[in-house]
């Protein structure tokens, strides 16, 4: 499933992107979609089999994020 993670600032989005580069979770930094409200203009888009793995990774690495969304076509559902 595809996911989007939003952040409070661009700095935190870039820091999280570097953290993910050193993991098995593949993602990329993209502009925050208009459908999602966020204080930051960037977010991470990635793909993972199990969303609980993503939440555990964020917790273990102390990633400061706003929300996690599941991407379903052109729609985003908050996780």
N, C-alpha and C. Protein backbone atom coordinates (compact mmCIF):
# COMPACT_ATOMS: atom_id res chain seq x y z
N UNK A 1 0.83 -1.17 0.00
CA UNK A 1 0.00 0.00 0.00
C UNK A 1 0.88 1.24 0.00
N UNK A 2 0.40 2.27 -0.66
CA UNK A 2 1.15 3.53 -0.70
C UNK A 2 0.75 4.39 0.50
N UNK A 3 1.74 5.10 1.03
CA UNK A 3 1.49 5.98 2.17
C UNK A 3 2.11 7.35 1.93
N UNK A 4 1.59 8.34 2.66
CA UNK A 4 2.12 9.70 2.66
C UNK A 4 2.26 10.11 4.11
N UNK A 5 3.42 10.66 4.45
CA UNK A 5 3.67 11.17 5.80
C UNK A 5 3.88 12.68 5.70
N UNK A 6 3.12 13.44 6.50
CA UNK A 6 3.29 14.89 6.53
C UNK A 6 4.11 15.29 7.75
N UNK A 7 4.71 16.48 7.68
CA UNK A 7 5.62 16.95 8.71
C UNK A 7 5.34 18.40 9.08
N UNK A 8 5.77 18.82 10.28
CA UNK A 8 5.58 20.20 10.71
C UNK A 8 6.48 21.20 9.97
N UNK A 9 7.60 20.71 9.40
CA UNK A 9 8.51 21.63 8.71
C UNK A 9 9.27 20.90 7.60
N UNK A 10 9.80 21.66 6.67
CA UNK A 10 10.60 21.10 5.57
C UNK A 10 11.85 20.43 6.11
N UNK A 11 12.45 21.03 7.13
CA UNK A 11 13.65 20.46 7.73
C UNK A 11 13.39 19.05 8.26
N UNK A 12 12.26 18.86 8.94
CA UNK A 12 11.93 17.54 9.48
C UNK A 12 11.63 16.54 8.37
N UNK A 13 11.02 17.00 7.29
CA UNK A 13 10.75 16.12 6.15
C UNK A 13 12.06 15.64 5.52
N UNK A 14 13.02 16.54 5.36
CA UNK A 14 14.30 16.16 4.77
C UNK A 14 15.09 15.23 5.71
N UNK A 15 15.02 15.50 7.01
CA UNK A 15 15.70 14.64 7.98
C UNK A 15 15.10 13.23 7.96
N UNK A 16 13.78 13.14 7.91
CA UNK A 16 13.11 11.83 7.86
C UNK A 16 13.48 11.10 6.57
N UNK A 17 13.56 11.83 5.47
CA UNK A 17 13.92 11.22 4.19
C UNK A 17 15.30 10.57 4.28
N UNK A 18 16.26 11.23 4.93
CA UNK A 18 17.59 10.66 5.11
C UNK A 18 17.53 9.40 5.98
N UNK A 19 16.69 9.43 7.01
CA UNK A 19 16.55 8.26 7.88
C UNK A 19 15.98 7.08 7.10
N UNK A 20 14.99 7.35 6.26
CA UNK A 20 14.39 6.28 5.47
C UNK A 20 15.36 5.72 4.43
N UNK A 21 16.30 6.55 3.94
CA UNK A 21 17.28 6.08 2.96
C UNK A 21 18.13 4.94 3.52
N UNK A 22 18.32 4.94 4.84
CA UNK A 22 19.13 3.91 5.49
C UNK A 22 18.29 2.72 5.96
N UNK A 23 17.08 2.60 5.46
CA UNK A 23 16.19 1.51 5.87
C UNK A 23 15.72 0.72 4.65
N UNK A 24 14.90 -0.27 4.91
CA UNK A 24 14.33 -1.07 3.82
C UNK A 24 13.03 -0.47 3.30
N UNK A 25 12.55 0.59 3.95
CA UNK A 25 11.32 1.26 3.52
C UNK A 25 11.69 2.28 2.45
N UNK A 26 11.16 2.07 1.26
CA UNK A 26 11.48 2.94 0.13
C UNK A 26 10.46 4.07 0.06
N UNK A 27 10.97 5.30 0.03
CA UNK A 27 10.09 6.46 -0.10
C UNK A 27 10.85 7.59 -0.77
N UNK A 28 10.09 8.62 -1.13
CA UNK A 28 10.69 9.80 -1.77
C UNK A 28 10.01 11.05 -1.24
N UNK A 29 10.74 12.14 -1.25
CA UNK A 29 10.18 13.42 -0.81
C UNK A 29 9.46 14.06 -2.00
N UNK A 30 8.22 14.51 -1.75
CA UNK A 30 7.40 15.12 -2.80
C UNK A 30 6.71 16.36 -2.23
N UNK A 31 6.19 17.24 -3.10
CA UNK A 31 5.36 18.35 -2.61
C UNK A 31 4.09 17.78 -1.96
N UNK A 32 3.65 18.39 -0.88
CA UNK A 32 2.44 17.92 -0.20
C UNK A 32 1.24 18.10 -1.12
N UNK A 33 0.46 17.03 -1.35
CA UNK A 33 -0.72 17.13 -2.22
C UNK A 33 -1.72 18.15 -1.69
N UNK A 34 -2.43 18.80 -2.58
CA UNK A 34 -3.40 19.83 -2.18
C UNK A 34 -4.52 19.28 -1.33
N UNK A 35 -4.85 18.00 -1.51
CA UNK A 35 -5.94 17.39 -0.75
C UNK A 35 -5.61 17.23 0.73
N UNK A 36 -4.32 17.32 1.07
CA UNK A 36 -3.87 17.14 2.44
C UNK A 36 -3.49 18.49 3.02
N UNK A 37 -4.01 18.80 4.19
CA UNK A 37 -3.64 20.03 4.87
C UNK A 37 -2.38 19.79 5.68
N UNK A 38 -1.39 20.64 5.49
CA UNK A 38 -0.15 20.49 6.23
C UNK A 38 0.54 21.84 6.36
N UNK A 39 1.30 22.01 7.43
CA UNK A 39 2.07 23.24 7.63
C UNK A 39 3.28 23.27 6.72
N UNK A 40 3.70 22.11 6.24
CA UNK A 40 4.92 21.97 5.46
C UNK A 40 4.58 21.72 3.99
N UNK A 41 5.41 22.20 3.11
CA UNK A 41 5.19 22.02 1.68
C UNK A 41 5.70 20.71 1.14
N UNK A 42 6.36 19.90 1.99
CA UNK A 42 6.90 18.62 1.55
C UNK A 42 6.38 17.48 2.41
N UNK A 43 6.32 16.31 1.81
CA UNK A 43 5.93 15.10 2.54
C UNK A 43 6.70 13.93 1.94
N UNK A 44 6.56 12.77 2.55
CA UNK A 44 7.18 11.56 2.01
C UNK A 44 6.10 10.66 1.43
N UNK A 45 6.38 10.13 0.25
CA UNK A 45 5.51 9.16 -0.40
C UNK A 45 6.27 7.86 -0.50
N UNK A 46 5.66 6.78 -0.06
CA UNK A 46 6.33 5.49 -0.10
C UNK A 46 5.35 4.36 -0.22
N UNK A 47 5.89 3.16 -0.18
CA UNK A 47 5.06 1.96 -0.27
C UNK A 47 5.53 0.94 0.76
N UNK A 48 4.57 0.31 1.42
CA UNK A 48 4.87 -0.67 2.46
C UNK A 48 3.73 -1.67 2.53
N UNK A 49 4.04 -2.88 2.98
CA UNK A 49 3.02 -3.93 3.08
C UNK A 49 2.12 -3.74 4.29
N UNK A 50 2.71 -3.32 5.41
CA UNK A 50 1.98 -3.24 6.67
C UNK A 50 2.22 -1.89 7.33
N UNK A 51 1.16 -1.13 7.54
CA UNK A 51 1.29 0.22 8.10
C UNK A 51 1.84 0.19 9.52
N UNK A 52 1.62 -0.89 10.26
CA UNK A 52 2.15 -0.97 11.64
C UNK A 52 3.68 -1.00 11.63
N UNK A 53 4.28 -1.57 10.59
CA UNK A 53 5.74 -1.56 10.44
C UNK A 53 6.24 -0.14 10.29
N UNK A 54 5.53 0.68 9.53
CA UNK A 54 5.89 2.08 9.34
C UNK A 54 5.78 2.85 10.65
N UNK A 55 4.71 2.64 11.39
CA UNK A 55 4.52 3.34 12.66
C UNK A 55 5.61 2.94 13.67
N UNK A 56 5.96 1.67 13.68
CA UNK A 56 7.02 1.19 14.57
C UNK A 56 8.37 1.81 14.18
N UNK A 57 8.66 1.88 12.88
CA UNK A 57 9.90 2.49 12.39
C UNK A 57 9.97 3.96 12.82
N UNK A 58 8.88 4.69 12.65
CA UNK A 58 8.84 6.10 13.05
C UNK A 58 9.10 6.25 14.54
N UNK A 59 8.51 5.38 15.34
CA UNK A 59 8.68 5.45 16.79
C UNK A 59 10.12 5.12 17.20
N UNK A 60 10.68 4.06 16.65
CA UNK A 60 12.05 3.66 16.99
C UNK A 60 13.08 4.71 16.59
N UNK A 61 12.84 5.39 15.48
CA UNK A 61 13.79 6.39 14.98
C UNK A 61 13.44 7.80 15.41
N UNK A 62 12.42 7.92 16.26
CA UNK A 62 11.99 9.22 16.80
C UNK A 62 11.75 10.25 15.69
N UNK A 63 11.05 9.82 14.65
CA UNK A 63 10.73 10.72 13.53
C UNK A 63 9.55 11.59 13.93
N UNK A 64 9.75 12.90 13.87
CA UNK A 64 8.73 13.86 14.23
C UNK A 64 7.88 14.15 12.98
N UNK A 65 6.65 13.62 12.97
CA UNK A 65 5.77 13.81 11.82
C UNK A 65 4.41 14.27 12.29
N UNK A 66 3.59 14.76 11.35
CA UNK A 66 2.22 15.18 11.68
C UNK A 66 1.27 13.99 11.58
N UNK A 67 1.07 13.51 10.34
CA UNK A 67 0.09 12.45 10.10
C UNK A 67 0.60 11.48 9.05
N UNK A 68 0.01 10.28 9.08
CA UNK A 68 0.26 9.27 8.06
C UNK A 68 -1.06 9.06 7.32
N UNK A 69 -0.99 9.09 6.00
CA UNK A 69 -2.15 8.86 5.16
C UNK A 69 -1.91 7.64 4.29
N UNK A 70 -2.97 6.90 4.01
CA UNK A 70 -2.93 5.81 3.04
C UNK A 70 -3.45 6.39 1.74
N UNK A 71 -2.69 6.19 0.66
CA UNK A 71 -3.08 6.72 -0.65
C UNK A 71 -3.90 5.66 -1.37
N UNK A 72 -5.13 6.03 -1.72
CA UNK A 72 -6.03 5.13 -2.45
C UNK A 72 -6.45 5.84 -3.72
N UNK A 73 -5.71 5.56 -4.81
CA UNK A 73 -5.95 6.27 -6.07
C UNK A 73 -5.55 7.72 -5.89
N UNK A 74 -6.49 8.62 -6.07
CA UNK A 74 -6.23 10.05 -5.89
C UNK A 74 -6.68 10.54 -4.51
N UNK A 75 -7.19 9.63 -3.68
CA UNK A 75 -7.67 10.00 -2.36
C UNK A 75 -6.66 9.62 -1.28
N UNK A 76 -6.72 10.34 -0.16
CA UNK A 76 -5.82 10.09 0.96
C UNK A 76 -6.67 9.88 2.21
N UNK A 77 -6.46 8.77 2.88
CA UNK A 77 -7.23 8.42 4.07
C UNK A 77 -6.28 8.42 5.26
N UNK A 78 -6.61 9.20 6.29
CA UNK A 78 -5.74 9.28 7.46
C UNK A 78 -5.68 7.94 8.17
N UNK A 79 -4.47 7.55 8.54
CA UNK A 79 -4.28 6.26 9.22
C UNK A 79 -4.27 6.44 10.71
